[in-house]
Amino acid sequence: MDLYRHTFRVRYAEVDPQSVVFNSRYLEYADVLVSEFFREARERGMPSDVEFHVRRAEVDYLAPIRLEELIEGRLTVVRIGNSSMETLITLHGAEEGDLRAEIRLHNVHVDLPEGRPTPVPDAVREAFGFPAREVTDV
C-alpha cells in the first residue's frame, strides 16, 4: 500500500496553556487522516457503506507539537486480516520532517445493523492496495 499523506496546521483550540497540543488531540488527528484516506479510497472504488470501528488505539508521544505548527500526517495500512485492519499513522513536523508521534489503530470491519464483525470486502482490500482474498475449495 502506498503511503498516504495529509498536512494540517495546529489551531489554538487544540493546545494547552503551554501552547502544546493536548494529548487527546493526537487521536483526533489520526481520525482526520483516516477520514481523508477513506474519502480518497471511495474515489478509487471503495463502497460508501464500509464501517470500521476502533478496537484499540496506541499513541507514542515522541516530541511536542505546538501551536501554529504545520504537521504532516502519514498513514499506512499495515495489515488487513479477515475482519480487521491495522493502521500506522505518524505525525511529523512538516518543515523538518521530524517524527513527533506514532499512532497504531486496530480496527474491525462491522455489519452496522448487527453490530458484529464481518469480513473485509475485496473492494476495500483493492482500494487500499491489497490483493483480494483467495477463495479455495475445501
Protein backbone atom coordinates (compact mmCIF):
# COMPACT_ATOMS: atom_id res chain seq x y z
CA MET A 1 0.00 0.00 0.00
CA ASP A 2 1.24 3.47 -0.86
CA LEU A 3 1.89 5.93 1.93
CA TYR A 4 -0.96 8.44 2.33
CA ARG A 5 -0.05 12.00 3.40
CA HIS A 6 -2.15 14.87 4.73
CA THR A 7 -0.90 18.21 6.08
CA PHE A 8 -2.66 20.40 8.65
CA ARG A 9 -1.91 23.35 10.94
CA VAL A 10 -2.30 23.23 14.74
CA ARG A 11 -5.09 25.54 15.92
CA TYR A 12 -5.45 27.47 19.18
CA ALA A 13 -8.30 25.27 20.46
CA GLU A 14 -6.02 22.20 20.24
CA VAL A 15 -3.33 23.35 22.67
CA ASP A 16 -2.90 23.73 26.44
CA PRO A 17 -1.66 26.91 28.25
CA GLN A 18 1.95 26.00 27.31
CA SER A 19 0.93 26.01 23.60
CA VAL A 20 1.49 22.24 23.35
CA VAL A 21 -1.15 20.02 21.73
CA PHE A 22 -3.42 18.25 24.27
CA ASN A 23 -2.71 14.51 24.27
CA SER A 24 -6.30 13.60 23.33
CA ARG A 25 -5.98 15.61 20.12
CA TYR A 26 -3.49 13.13 18.69
CA LEU A 27 -6.32 10.63 18.24
CA GLU A 28 -8.41 13.37 16.63
CA TYR A 29 -5.55 13.99 14.20
CA ALA A 30 -5.48 10.26 13.47
CA ASP A 31 -9.21 10.38 12.78
CA VAL A 32 -8.70 13.25 10.31
CA LEU A 33 -6.06 11.18 8.49
CA VAL A 34 -8.30 8.10 8.37
CA SER A 35 -11.31 10.16 7.17
CA GLU A 36 -9.32 11.78 4.37
CA PHE A 37 -7.77 8.44 3.41
CA PHE A 38 -11.22 6.80 3.28
CA ARG A 39 -12.57 9.70 1.18
CA GLU A 40 -9.85 9.11 -1.41
CA ALA A 41 -10.35 5.32 -1.21
CA ARG A 42 -14.03 5.84 -2.11
CA GLU A 43 -12.85 7.68 -5.22
CA ARG A 44 -10.85 4.51 -6.06
CA GLY A 45 -13.90 2.26 -5.77
CA MET A 46 -14.30 1.52 -2.07
CA PRO A 47 -18.03 1.13 -1.27
CA SER A 48 -19.54 4.03 0.69
CA ASP A 49 -21.23 1.80 3.28
CA VAL A 50 -17.98 0.39 4.71
CA GLU A 51 -17.78 0.70 8.51
CA PHE A 52 -14.73 0.12 10.69
CA HIS A 53 -14.77 0.58 14.46
CA VAL A 54 -11.66 1.23 16.51
CA ARG A 55 -10.87 -1.76 18.71
CA ARG A 56 -7.58 -0.46 20.10
CA ALA A 57 -5.56 2.74 19.75
CA GLU A 58 -1.97 3.23 20.91
CA VAL A 59 -0.14 6.54 20.90
CA ASP A 60 3.59 7.03 21.41
CA TYR A 61 4.35 10.70 22.11
CA LEU A 62 7.89 11.37 20.90
CA ALA A 63 8.18 15.18 20.78
CA PRO A 64 5.79 18.08 21.42
CA ILE A 65 3.57 19.52 18.72
CA ARG A 66 2.98 23.24 19.21
CA LEU A 67 0.54 25.98 18.28
CA GLU A 68 0.62 27.10 14.63
CA GLU A 69 2.94 24.29 13.56
CA LEU A 70 2.39 22.71 10.19
CA ILE A 71 2.17 18.94 10.68
CA GLU A 72 2.34 16.20 8.07
CA GLY A 73 0.42 13.05 8.91
CA ARG A 74 1.41 9.83 7.16
CA LEU A 75 -0.88 6.81 7.09
CA THR A 76 -0.06 3.24 6.10
CA VAL A 77 -2.44 0.29 6.23
CA VAL A 78 -0.04 -2.27 7.64
CA ARG A 79 -2.25 -5.35 7.51
CA ILE A 80 -5.74 -6.42 6.57
CA GLY A 81 -7.00 -9.61 8.21
CA ASN A 82 -10.29 -11.40 7.72
CA SER A 83 -12.35 -8.74 9.54
CA SER A 84 -9.68 -6.42 10.93
CA MET A 85 -7.21 -3.81 9.78
CA GLU A 86 -4.05 -2.38 11.36
CA THR A 87 -3.05 1.17 10.53
CA LEU A 88 0.12 3.09 11.41
CA ILE A 89 -0.12 6.87 11.48
CA THR A 90 2.95 9.00 12.06
CA LEU A 91 2.91 12.74 12.73
CA HIS A 92 5.89 14.79 11.56
CA GLY A 93 6.87 18.44 11.65
CA ALA A 94 6.16 19.45 8.04
CA GLU A 95 9.17 21.76 7.85
CA GLU A 96 11.86 19.45 9.24
CA GLY A 97 10.16 16.08 8.80
CA ASP A 98 10.98 15.14 12.41
CA LEU A 99 8.84 12.41 13.94
CA ARG A 100 6.54 13.67 16.74
CA ALA A 101 4.18 10.75 17.35
CA GLU A 102 3.29 7.22 16.25
CA ILE A 103 -0.32 6.09 16.41
CA ARG A 104 -1.35 2.48 15.87
CA LEU A 105 -5.01 1.74 15.22
CA HIS A 106 -6.57 -1.71 15.23
CA ASN A 107 -9.98 -1.55 13.55
CA VAL A 108 -12.70 -4.12 12.99
CA HIS A 109 -15.00 -4.12 9.96
CA VAL A 110 -18.56 -4.34 11.24
CA ASP A 111 -22.03 -5.03 9.96
CA LEU A 112 -23.82 -1.99 11.37
CA PRO A 113 -27.33 -3.44 11.83
CA GLU A 114 -25.90 -6.46 13.67
CA GLY A 115 -23.00 -4.66 15.35
CA ARG A 116 -20.85 -7.72 14.70
CA PRO A 117 -17.51 -8.22 12.91
CA THR A 118 -17.80 -9.15 9.26
CA PRO A 119 -15.18 -9.94 6.59
CA VAL A 120 -13.47 -7.01 4.89
CA PRO A 121 -14.88 -6.84 1.33
CA ASP A 122 -12.49 -7.40 -1.56
CA ALA A 123 -13.38 -3.94 -2.94
CA VAL A 124 -11.97 -2.43 0.26
CA ARG A 125 -8.81 -4.53 0.08
CA GLU A 126 -8.26 -3.46 -3.52
CA ALA A 127 -8.98 0.24 -2.80
CA PHE A 128 -6.34 0.06 -0.05
CA GLY A 129 -3.83 -1.61 -2.40
CA PHE A 130 -4.13 -5.16 -1.03
CA PRO A 131 -4.97 -8.27 -3.06
CA ALA A 132 -8.43 -9.82 -2.88
CA ARG A 133 -8.84 -12.85 -0.62
CA GLU A 134 -8.08 -16.16 -2.23
CA VAL A 135 -11.05 -18.50 -2.35
CA THR A 136 -10.17 -22.16 -2.10
CA ASP A 137 -12.35 -25.23 -2.44
CA VAL A 138 -12.48 -27.39 0.64
